[in-house]
C-alpha atoms as a PDB file:
ATOM      1  CA  MET A   1     106.926  92.364 104.771  1.00  0.00           C
ATOM      2  CA  ALA A   2     107.965  96.023 105.455  1.00  0.00           C
ATOM      3  CA  GLY A   3     105.398  98.137 107.451  1.00  0.00           C
ATOM      4  CA  GLY A   4     104.049 101.482 105.732  1.00  0.00           C
ATOM      5  CA  ARG A   5     103.242 100.069 102.481  1.00  0.00           C
ATOM      6  CA  SER A   6      99.596 101.226 102.822  1.00  0.00           C
ATOM      7  CA  LEU A   7     100.607 104.753 103.405  1.00  0.00           C
ATOM      8  CA  TYR A   8     103.196 104.827 100.331  1.00  0.00           C
ATOM      9  CA  GLY A   9     100.538 103.109  98.156  1.00  0.00           C
ATOM     10  CA  ALA A  10      97.829 105.679  99.344  1.00  0.00           C
ATOM     11  CA  ALA A  11     100.375 108.726  98.650  1.00  0.00           C
ATOM     12  CA  LYS A  12     101.060 107.260  95.169  1.00  0.00           C
ATOM     13  CA  ALA A  13      97.424 106.872  94.290  1.00  0.00           C
ATOM     14  CA  GLY A  14      96.528 110.269  95.588  1.00  0.00           C
ATOM     15  CA  ILE A  15      99.323 111.789  93.321  1.00  0.00           C
ATOM     16  CA  ASP A  16      97.815 109.928  90.218  1.00  0.00           C
ATOM     17  CA  SER A  17      94.481 111.095  91.097  1.00  0.00           C
ATOM     18  CA  LEU A  18      95.409 114.722  91.649  1.00  0.00           C
ATOM     19  CA  THR A  19      97.455 114.743  88.410  1.00  0.00           C
ATOM     20  CA  ARG A  20      94.466 113.591  86.457  1.00  0.00           C
ATOM     21  CA  ASN A  21      92.172 115.907  88.173  1.00  0.00           C
ATOM     22  CA  TRP A  22      94.207 119.144  87.849  1.00  0.00           C
ATOM     23  CA  ALA A  23      94.787 118.167  84.099  1.00  0.00           C
ATOM     24  CA  LEU A  24      91.165 118.249  83.612  1.00  0.00           C
ATOM     25  CA  GLU A  25      90.530 121.296  85.574  1.00  0.00           C
ATOM     26  CA  LEU A  26      93.678 123.247  84.026  1.00  0.00           C
ATOM     27  CA  ALA A  27      93.044 121.938  80.537  1.00  0.00           C
ATOM     28  CA  PRO A  28      90.841 125.007  79.718  1.00  0.00           C
ATOM     29  CA  ARG A  29      93.636 127.234  80.529  1.00  0.00           C
ATOM     30  CA  LYS A  30      95.946 125.375  78.203  1.00  0.00           C
ATOM     31  CA  ILE A  31      98.004 123.995  81.203  1.00  0.00           C
ATOM     32  CA  LEU A  32      99.447 120.648  81.200  1.00  0.00           C
ATOM     33  CA  VAL A  33      99.914 118.689  84.303  1.00  0.00           C
ATOM     34  CA  ASN A  34     101.835 115.387  84.641  1.00  0.00           C
ATOM     35  CA  ALA A  35     103.701 113.372  87.333  1.00  0.00           C
ATOM     36  CA  VAL A  36     106.977 111.645  87.220  1.00  0.00           C
ATOM     37  CA  ALA A  37     107.408 108.542  89.351  1.00  0.00           C
ATOM     38  CA  PRO A  38     110.930 107.394  89.580  1.00  0.00           C
ATOM     39  CA  GLY A  39     111.925 103.991  90.557  1.00  0.00           C
ATOM     40  CA  TYR A  40     115.251 103.050  92.344  1.00  0.00           C
ATOM     41  CA  VAL A  41     117.658 106.018  91.512  1.00  0.00           C
ATOM     42  CA  THR A  42     121.148 106.208  92.821  1.00  0.00           C
ATOM     43  CA  THR A  43     121.547 109.547  94.826  1.00  0.00           C
ATOM     44  CA  ASP A  44     122.835 110.598  97.939  1.00  0.00           C
ATOM     45  CA  MET A  45     119.594 109.933  99.543  1.00  0.00           C
ATOM     46  CA  THR A  46     119.447 106.156  98.514  1.00  0.00           C
ATOM     47  CA  ALA A  47     123.496 105.791  98.794  1.00  0.00           C
ATOM     48  CA  GLU A  48     123.249 104.258 102.555  1.00  0.00           C
ATOM     49  CA  TYR A  49     120.285 101.901 101.659  1.00  0.00           C
ATOM     50  CA  LEU A  50     121.852 100.637  98.712  1.00  0.00           C
ATOM     51  CA  SER A  51     125.328 100.261 100.264  1.00  0.00           C
ATOM     52  CA  ASP A  52     124.448  96.792 101.327  1.00  0.00           C
ATOM     53  CA  ALA A  53     125.562  94.458  98.633  1.00  0.00           C
ATOM     54  CA  THR A  54     122.429  92.090  99.249  1.00  0.00           C
ATOM     55  CA  THR A  55     120.065  94.893  98.864  1.00  0.00           C
ATOM     56  CA  PHE A  56     121.852  96.265  95.795  1.00  0.00           C
ATOM     57  CA  GLU A  57     121.767  93.107  93.916  1.00  0.00           C
ATOM     58  CA  ARG A  58     118.185  92.562  94.791  1.00  0.00           C
ATOM     59  CA  ALA A  59     117.130  95.910  93.561  1.00  0.00           C
ATOM     60  CA  ILE A  60     119.291  95.370  90.438  1.00  0.00           C
ATOM     61  CA  GLY A  61     117.565  92.000  89.974  1.00  0.00           C
ATOM     62  CA  ARG A  62     114.006  93.756  90.002  1.00  0.00           C
ATOM     63  CA  HIS A  63     114.727  96.070  87.076  1.00  0.00           C
ATOM     64  CA  PRO A  64     114.346  94.478  83.438  1.00  0.00           C
ATOM     65  CA  LEU A  65     116.918  96.804  82.266  1.00  0.00           C
ATOM     66  CA  GLY A  66     119.718  95.543  84.743  1.00  0.00           C
ATOM     67  CA  ARG A  67     120.664  98.830  86.411  1.00  0.00           C
ATOM     68  CA  LEU A  68     119.223 101.317  88.695  1.00  0.00           C
ATOM     69  CA  GLY A  69     118.363 104.854  87.395  1.00  0.00           C
ATOM     70  CA  THR A  70     120.282 108.049  87.618  1.00  0.00           C
ATOM     71  CA  ALA A  71     119.133 111.596  88.272  1.00  0.00           C
ATOM     72  CA  GLU A  72     119.756 112.293  84.695  1.00  0.00           C
ATOM     73  CA  ASP A  73     117.299 109.536  83.614  1.00  0.00           C
ATOM     74  CA  VAL A  74     114.697 111.224  85.642  1.00  0.00           C
ATOM     75  CA  ALA A  75     115.759 114.879  84.648  1.00  0.00           C
ATOM     76  CA  ASP A  76     115.660 113.961  80.944  1.00  0.00           C
ATOM     77  CA  VAL A  77     111.900 112.971  81.240  1.00  0.00           C
ATOM     78  CA  VAL A  78     111.349 115.972  83.350  1.00  0.00           C
ATOM     79  CA  ALA A  79     112.839 118.126  80.339  1.00  0.00           C
ATOM     80  CA  PHE A  80     110.803 116.274  77.911  1.00  0.00           C
ATOM     81  CA  LEU A  81     107.387 117.150  79.677  1.00  0.00           C
ATOM     82  CA  CYS A  82     108.694 120.784  80.104  1.00  0.00           C
ATOM     83  CA  SER A  83     109.344 120.834  76.243  1.00  0.00           C
ATOM     84  CA  ASP A  84     107.162 121.655  73.268  1.00  0.00           C
ATOM     85  CA  SER A  85     107.467 118.006  72.300  1.00  0.00           C
ATOM     86  CA  ALA A  86     105.108 117.014  75.254  1.00  0.00           C
ATOM     87  CA  ARG A  87     102.538 119.620  74.083  1.00  0.00           C
ATOM     88  CA  PHE A  88      99.681 117.122  73.882  1.00  0.00           C
ATOM     89  CA  ILE A  89     100.515 114.921  76.823  1.00  0.00           C
ATOM     90  CA  THR A  90      98.528 115.826  80.082  1.00  0.00           C
ATOM     91  CA  GLY A  91      96.988 113.887  83.175  1.00  0.00           C
ATOM     92  CA  GLN A  92      99.642 111.315  82.885  1.00  0.00           C
ATOM     93  CA  SER A  93     102.257 109.676  85.589  1.00  0.00           C
ATOM     94  CA  ILE A  94     105.118 108.754  83.826  1.00  0.00           C
ATOM     95  CA  ASN A  95     106.982 105.826  85.601  1.00  0.00           C
ATOM     96  CA  VAL A  96     111.008 106.292  85.122  1.00  0.00           C
ATOM     97  CA  SER A  97     111.773 102.833  86.670  1.00  0.00           C
ATOM     98  CA  GLY A  98     113.600 100.860  84.192  1.00  0.00           C
ATOM     99  CA  GLY A  99     110.888  98.592  84.043  1.00  0.00           C
ATOM    100  CA  PHE A 100     110.548  97.945  87.887  1.00  0.00           C
ATOM    101  CA  VAL A 101     106.905  98.581  87.965  1.00  0.00           C
ATOM    102  CA  ILE A 102     106.298  96.028  85.274  1.00  0.00           C
END
């Protein structure tokens, strides 16, 4: 088991809690607060990690949609949350993970 998971888990829980609390605190000002939680995304930052064929195949295998995410996948969700179409969404952490978190 890889080390550092407790710190990662605490940070994720903190973001979720902060998102919900800020949503409550800022709702009277009509400010929406949401978080986006991406899963594995192919970027320059993950290229070295995913360059190992075994690691890459294991990552793909853990995604029900059968692929890793792209920056565009995440950006599309952010764009939606910034649009008027998301005017009644607040206090949510949106997982953009291709089902990885299921």
